[in-house]
């Protein structure tokens, strides 16, 4: 049996324990994210939303200025910086003990976010990174969410051909981790995200979610981002809240380091009940 990946994540010099799993709350400074209720187009709304999620128990706030849903229109790095930097700067000042993440594919945005106070780079293009992104990870010591995806938001839905999706995703993440280490990154900075919904069919996403424990035994801690995604079922993202909490609980039970969610209060409460029940069962 493979050894469980160490559940410690280094984020700009901060060793962050991932047991119990971290809850990453989503702060979208976008007009077009796939879940309409999460769209915080104005910085003031996004800042208020981030403060609320922190009060609800989020360990990490993940601030994004570009939707990466399949088919989304690209945003220039300059526009993305204008969206995320004021939010990160304000949250860093208001919440000095809360980890801040930037959800971006662009090295220029990542650099600006780190300068504004971010601790983590959440890169959906991690296996095919923007020029300079991996060097920035190595130089900054930032935590890095290495996400498996293929193509771009405009092309990813056509790139779903796998012989064994779990084995291929794990192999790609491991290879990227080795290349990052060769550039000077500490593997302890890196958390793997299998990229549910990114160049994956619904069946692929279910297989990867089901294989959380197998992925977590593959070398690095694992982050699962299933929240309100299409593979959970139903046409309306607004109706996928209960399924999202269920997916987060499964991921936690299978050894995930972190779960990325829209519904922080519900997820925190469910994880707390899960832990209490597990502790009682182990007595």
Protein backbone atom coordinates (compact mmCIF):
# COMPACT_ATOMS: atom_id res chain seq x y z
CA UNK A 1 0.00 0.00 0.00
CA UNK A 2 1.28 3.46 -0.89
CA UNK A 3 2.06 5.85 1.92
CA UNK A 4 -0.40 8.70 2.48
CA UNK A 5 0.98 12.03 1.27
CA UNK A 6 2.06 14.32 4.13
CA UNK A 7 -0.77 16.64 5.15
CA UNK A 8 1.34 19.77 5.55
CA UNK A 9 1.32 22.57 3.02
CA UNK A 10 3.97 25.32 2.96
CA UNK A 11 2.54 28.70 1.97
CA UNK A 12 5.11 31.50 1.94
CA UNK A 13 6.89 30.09 4.96
CA UNK A 14 3.73 29.10 6.82
CA UNK A 15 3.43 25.34 7.43
CA UNK A 16 -0.31 24.73 7.20
CA UNK A 17 -1.77 21.53 8.63
CA UNK A 18 -4.41 19.89 6.44
CA UNK A 19 -5.92 17.55 9.03
CA UNK A 20 -8.77 18.30 9.50
CA UNK A 21 -9.21 19.39 5.88
CA UNK A 22 -8.99 23.07 5.06
CA UNK A 23 -12.08 24.82 3.73
CA UNK A 24 -11.31 27.15 0.81
CA UNK A 25 -14.11 29.67 0.25
CA UNK A 26 -14.70 30.98 -3.26
CA UNK A 27 -14.68 34.75 -3.87
CA UNK A 28 -15.46 35.47 -7.52
CA UNK A 29 -14.82 39.02 -8.71
CA UNK A 30 -16.42 38.15 -12.02
CA UNK A 31 -19.64 38.81 -13.97
CA UNK A 32 -19.81 35.37 -15.61
CA UNK A 33 -18.95 32.55 -13.20
CA UNK A 34 -21.05 29.44 -13.78
CA UNK A 35 -22.91 29.83 -10.46
CA UNK A 36 -24.75 33.18 -10.66
CA UNK A 37 -25.06 33.61 -6.89
CA UNK A 38 -21.25 33.61 -6.61
CA UNK A 39 -20.73 36.55 -8.98
CA UNK A 40 -19.34 39.47 -6.98
CA UNK A 41 -18.65 41.92 -9.78
CA UNK A 42 -17.73 44.95 -7.64
CA UNK A 43 -14.67 44.86 -5.36
CA UNK A 44 -16.73 46.12 -2.43
CA UNK A 45 -19.15 43.19 -2.76
CA UNK A 46 -16.30 40.72 -3.09
CA UNK A 47 -14.56 42.09 0.01
CA UNK A 48 -17.77 41.86 2.04
CA UNK A 49 -18.34 38.33 0.75
CA UNK A 50 -14.81 37.30 1.73
CA UNK A 51 -15.26 38.71 5.23
CA UNK A 52 -18.50 36.77 5.58
CA UNK A 53 -16.91 33.51 4.43
CA UNK A 54 -14.07 33.98 6.90
CA UNK A 55 -16.59 34.55 9.68
CA UNK A 56 -18.33 31.32 8.62
CA UNK A 57 -15.12 29.39 9.10
CA UNK A 58 -13.20 29.47 5.82
CA UNK A 59 -9.50 28.73 6.32
CA UNK A 60 -8.60 30.08 2.86
CA UNK A 61 -10.24 32.70 0.66
CA UNK A 62 -9.72 32.05 -3.06
CA UNK A 63 -10.11 35.26 -5.05
CA UNK A 64 -10.64 34.93 -8.80
CA UNK A 65 -11.06 37.51 -11.54
CA UNK A 66 -11.54 35.25 -14.57
CA UNK A 67 -14.13 32.52 -14.99
CA UNK A 68 -12.57 29.23 -16.08
CA UNK A 69 -15.84 27.41 -16.68
CA UNK A 70 -15.97 25.58 -20.02
CA UNK A 71 -16.68 28.10 -22.78
CA UNK A 72 -15.88 31.19 -20.72
CA UNK A 73 -14.42 34.23 -22.49
CA UNK A 74 -10.80 35.03 -21.62
CA UNK A 75 -9.88 38.08 -19.55
CA UNK A 76 -6.66 40.03 -20.08
CA UNK A 77 -4.13 39.92 -17.24
CA UNK A 78 -4.48 43.70 -16.84
CA UNK A 79 -8.23 43.48 -16.32
CA UNK A 80 -7.84 40.50 -14.02
CA UNK A 81 -5.31 42.37 -11.90
CA UNK A 82 -7.72 45.29 -11.64
CA UNK A 83 -10.39 42.95 -10.33
CA UNK A 84 -8.47 40.85 -7.81
CA UNK A 85 -5.72 43.04 -6.37
CA UNK A 86 -7.97 45.54 -4.51
CA UNK A 87 -9.89 42.63 -2.99
CA UNK A 88 -6.79 40.71 -1.90
CA UNK A 89 -5.20 43.85 -0.48
CA UNK A 90 -8.30 44.70 1.56
CA UNK A 91 -8.76 41.13 2.82
CA UNK A 92 -5.07 40.88 3.75
CA UNK A 93 -5.40 44.01 5.87
CA UNK A 94 -8.65 42.91 7.52
CA UNK A 95 -7.81 39.20 8.00
CA UNK A 96 -4.09 38.85 8.76
CA UNK A 97 -4.50 35.26 10.01
CA UNK A 98 -6.52 34.01 7.03
CA UNK A 99 -4.77 32.41 4.07
CA UNK A 100 -5.46 34.20 0.80
CA UNK A 101 -5.33 32.54 -2.61
CA UNK A 102 -5.58 33.89 -6.13
CA UNK A 103 -7.31 31.78 -8.77
CA UNK A 104 -5.46 32.63 -11.98
CA UNK A 105 -3.80 31.19 -15.08
CA UNK A 106 -1.53 34.21 -15.59
CA UNK A 107 1.91 34.73 -14.07
CA UNK A 108 1.51 38.52 -14.11
CA UNK A 109 -1.69 38.27 -12.09
CA UNK A 110 -0.08 35.80 -9.69
CA UNK A 111 2.84 38.16 -9.09
CA UNK A 112 0.56 41.15 -8.47
CA UNK A 113 -1.57 39.07 -6.09
CA UNK A 114 1.46 37.97 -4.08
CA UNK A 115 2.55 41.59 -3.79
CA UNK A 116 -0.95 42.43 -2.51
CA UNK A 117 -0.74 39.78 0.22
CA UNK A 118 -1.74 36.42 -1.26
CA UNK A 119 -0.17 33.24 0.11
CA UNK A 120 -1.37 30.70 -2.48
CA UNK A 121 -1.48 30.48 -6.27
CA UNK A 122 -4.42 28.38 -7.52
CA UNK A 123 -3.52 27.62 -11.13
CA UNK A 124 -6.08 25.82 -13.29
CA UNK A 125 -3.46 25.66 -16.05
CA UNK A 126 -0.87 24.08 -13.76
CA UNK A 127 0.07 21.21 -16.05
CA UNK A 128 0.61 23.63 -18.96
CA UNK A 129 1.55 26.81 -17.12
CA UNK A 130 1.84 30.37 -18.28
CA UNK A 131 5.42 31.48 -18.96
CA UNK A 132 7.10 32.34 -15.69
CA UNK A 133 4.47 30.81 -13.41
CA UNK A 134 6.57 27.93 -12.12
CA UNK A 135 9.61 30.17 -11.63
CA UNK A 136 7.42 32.50 -9.57
CA UNK A 137 6.28 29.57 -7.42
CA UNK A 138 9.90 28.60 -6.76
CA UNK A 139 11.05 32.16 -6.04
CA UNK A 140 8.13 33.19 -3.83
CA UNK A 141 7.64 30.07 -1.72
CA UNK A 142 3.91 30.45 -2.27
CA UNK A 143 1.56 27.55 -1.84
CA UNK A 144 0.64 26.18 -5.25
CA UNK A 145 -2.52 24.38 -6.31
CA UNK A 146 -1.37 22.33 -9.29
CA UNK A 147 -4.53 21.59 -11.25
CA UNK A 148 -4.93 19.02 -13.98
CA UNK A 149 -6.65 20.39 -17.08
CA UNK A 150 -6.21 20.26 -20.83
CA UNK A 151 -6.50 23.11 -23.28
CA UNK A 152 -8.31 26.33 -22.38
CA UNK A 153 -11.83 27.08 -21.17
CA UNK A 154 -12.78 27.40 -24.84
CA UNK A 155 -11.38 23.98 -25.87
CA UNK A 156 -11.34 21.78 -22.76
CA UNK A 157 -14.70 20.09 -23.37
CA UNK A 158 -13.28 18.55 -26.56
CA UNK A 159 -10.20 17.12 -24.79
CA UNK A 160 -11.71 14.34 -22.69
CA UNK A 161 -10.14 11.22 -24.21
CA UNK A 162 -8.58 9.06 -21.46
CA UNK A 163 -7.82 5.36 -21.29
CA UNK A 164 -7.64 5.51 -17.47
CA UNK A 165 -8.50 8.99 -16.20
CA UNK A 166 -7.28 8.44 -12.64
CA UNK A 167 -3.92 6.97 -13.66
CA UNK A 168 -3.35 9.61 -16.35
CA UNK A 169 -4.27 12.54 -14.12
CA UNK A 170 -2.05 11.26 -11.32
CA UNK A 171 0.86 10.69 -13.73
CA UNK A 172 0.51 14.20 -15.18
CA UNK A 173 0.43 15.79 -11.72
CA UNK A 174 3.45 13.80 -10.60
CA UNK A 175 5.42 14.75 -13.74
CA UNK A 176 4.58 18.43 -13.28
CA UNK A 177 5.62 18.25 -9.62
CA UNK A 178 8.99 16.80 -10.64
CA UNK A 179 9.50 19.59 -13.17
CA UNK A 180 8.61 22.20 -10.57
CA UNK A 181 11.10 20.69 -8.13
CA UNK A 182 13.79 20.82 -10.83
CA UNK A 183 13.17 24.58 -11.05
CA UNK A 184 13.72 24.96 -7.32
CA UNK A 185 10.19 24.67 -5.89
CA UNK A 186 9.83 22.80 -2.61
CA UNK A 187 7.38 19.91 -3.18
CA UNK A 188 5.84 20.84 0.18
CA UNK A 189 4.47 23.97 -1.53
CA UNK A 190 2.40 21.86 -3.92
CA UNK A 191 -1.12 20.51 -3.52
CA UNK A 192 -2.74 18.49 -6.30
CA UNK A 193 -6.18 19.28 -7.73
CA UNK A 194 -7.47 16.62 -10.18
CA UNK A 195 -9.50 19.27 -11.98
CA UNK A 196 -13.05 17.96 -11.75
CA UNK A 197 -14.94 19.31 -14.76
CA UNK A 198 -11.83 20.60 -16.53
CA UNK A 199 -11.42 18.50 -19.70
CA UNK A 200 -13.36 15.73 -17.97
CA UNK A 201 -16.69 14.11 -18.77
CA UNK A 202 -19.18 13.83 -15.93
CA UNK A 203 -18.20 10.15 -15.55
CA UNK A 204 -14.52 11.14 -15.41
CA UNK A 205 -15.22 13.65 -12.65
CA UNK A 206 -17.09 11.03 -10.63
CA UNK A 207 -14.21 8.57 -11.08
CA UNK A 208 -11.70 11.14 -9.88
CA UNK A 209 -13.83 12.13 -6.91
CA UNK A 210 -14.27 8.46 -6.06
CA UNK A 211 -10.50 7.99 -6.29
CA UNK A 212 -9.63 10.77 -3.82
CA UNK A 213 -7.83 8.33 -1.52
CA UNK A 214 -5.84 6.88 -4.43
CA UNK A 215 -4.84 10.37 -5.55
CA UNK A 216 -3.93 11.36 -1.99
CA UNK A 217 -1.56 8.39 -1.85
CA UNK A 218 0.21 9.58 -4.99
CA UNK A 219 2.79 11.91 -3.52
CA UNK A 220 1.17 15.23 -2.55
CA UNK A 221 -1.87 16.35 -0.56
CA UNK A 222 -5.04 16.74 -2.63
CA UNK A 223 -7.56 19.57 -2.96
CA UNK A 224 -11.02 18.72 -4.27
CA UNK A 225 -13.13 21.36 -6.02
CA UNK A 226 -16.53 19.82 -6.74
CA UNK A 227 -18.74 22.64 -5.52
CA UNK A 228 -21.92 23.11 -7.61
CA UNK A 229 -20.28 21.72 -10.78
CA UNK A 230 -22.34 20.23 -13.59
CA UNK A 231 -21.32 16.63 -13.01
CA UNK A 232 -23.16 16.67 -9.67
CA UNK A 233 -26.43 16.69 -11.61
CA UNK A 234 -29.29 18.99 -12.54
CA UNK A 235 -29.42 21.90 -14.93
CA UNK A 236 -29.36 24.61 -12.28
CA UNK A 237 -26.21 25.20 -10.21
CA UNK A 238 -28.41 26.80 -7.53
CA UNK A 239 -29.90 23.37 -6.77
CA UNK A 240 -26.59 21.58 -6.27
CA UNK A 241 -25.82 22.74 -2.74
CA UNK A 242 -26.63 19.47 -0.92
CA UNK A 243 -24.69 17.42 -3.49
CA UNK A 244 -21.74 19.78 -3.08
CA UNK A 245 -21.65 19.27 0.68
CA UNK A 246 -21.91 15.52 0.15
CA UNK A 247 -18.94 15.60 -2.23
CA UNK A 248 -16.91 17.62 0.29
CA UNK A 249 -17.66 15.10 3.03
CA UNK A 250 -16.61 12.22 0.79
CA UNK A 251 -13.37 14.01 -0.06
CA UNK A 252 -12.65 14.65 3.61
CA UNK A 253 -13.33 11.03 4.52
CA UNK A 254 -10.93 9.92 1.77
CA UNK A 255 -8.01 12.03 2.95
CA UNK A 256 -8.33 15.30 1.03
CA UNK A 257 -6.18 18.14 2.32
CA UNK A 258 -8.70 20.82 1.34
CA UNK A 259 -12.09 21.35 -0.26
CA UNK A 260 -12.91 24.38 -2.40
CA UNK A 261 -16.53 25.42 -1.86
CA UNK A 262 -19.13 28.11 -2.39
CA UNK A 263 -21.15 27.11 0.70
CA UNK A 264 -18.72 27.62 3.55
CA UNK A 265 -21.09 27.63 6.53
CA UNK A 266 -22.85 24.45 5.43
CA UNK A 267 -19.58 22.67 4.65
CA UNK A 268 -17.92 23.70 7.92
CA UNK A 269 -20.93 22.49 9.90
CA UNK A 270 -21.07 19.18 8.02
CA UNK A 271 -17.34 18.57 8.46
CA UNK A 272 -17.61 19.36 12.17
CA UNK A 273 -20.38 16.78 12.59
CA UNK A 274 -18.37 14.27 10.57
CA UNK A 275 -15.34 14.73 12.82
CA UNK A 276 -17.41 14.42 16.00
CA UNK A 277 -18.97 11.19 14.78
CA UNK A 278 -15.58 9.79 13.77
CA UNK A 279 -14.07 10.68 17.13
CA UNK A 280 -16.99 8.99 18.91
CA UNK A 281 -16.61 5.88 16.75
CA UNK A 282 -12.90 5.67 17.54
CA UNK A 283 -13.37 5.79 21.33
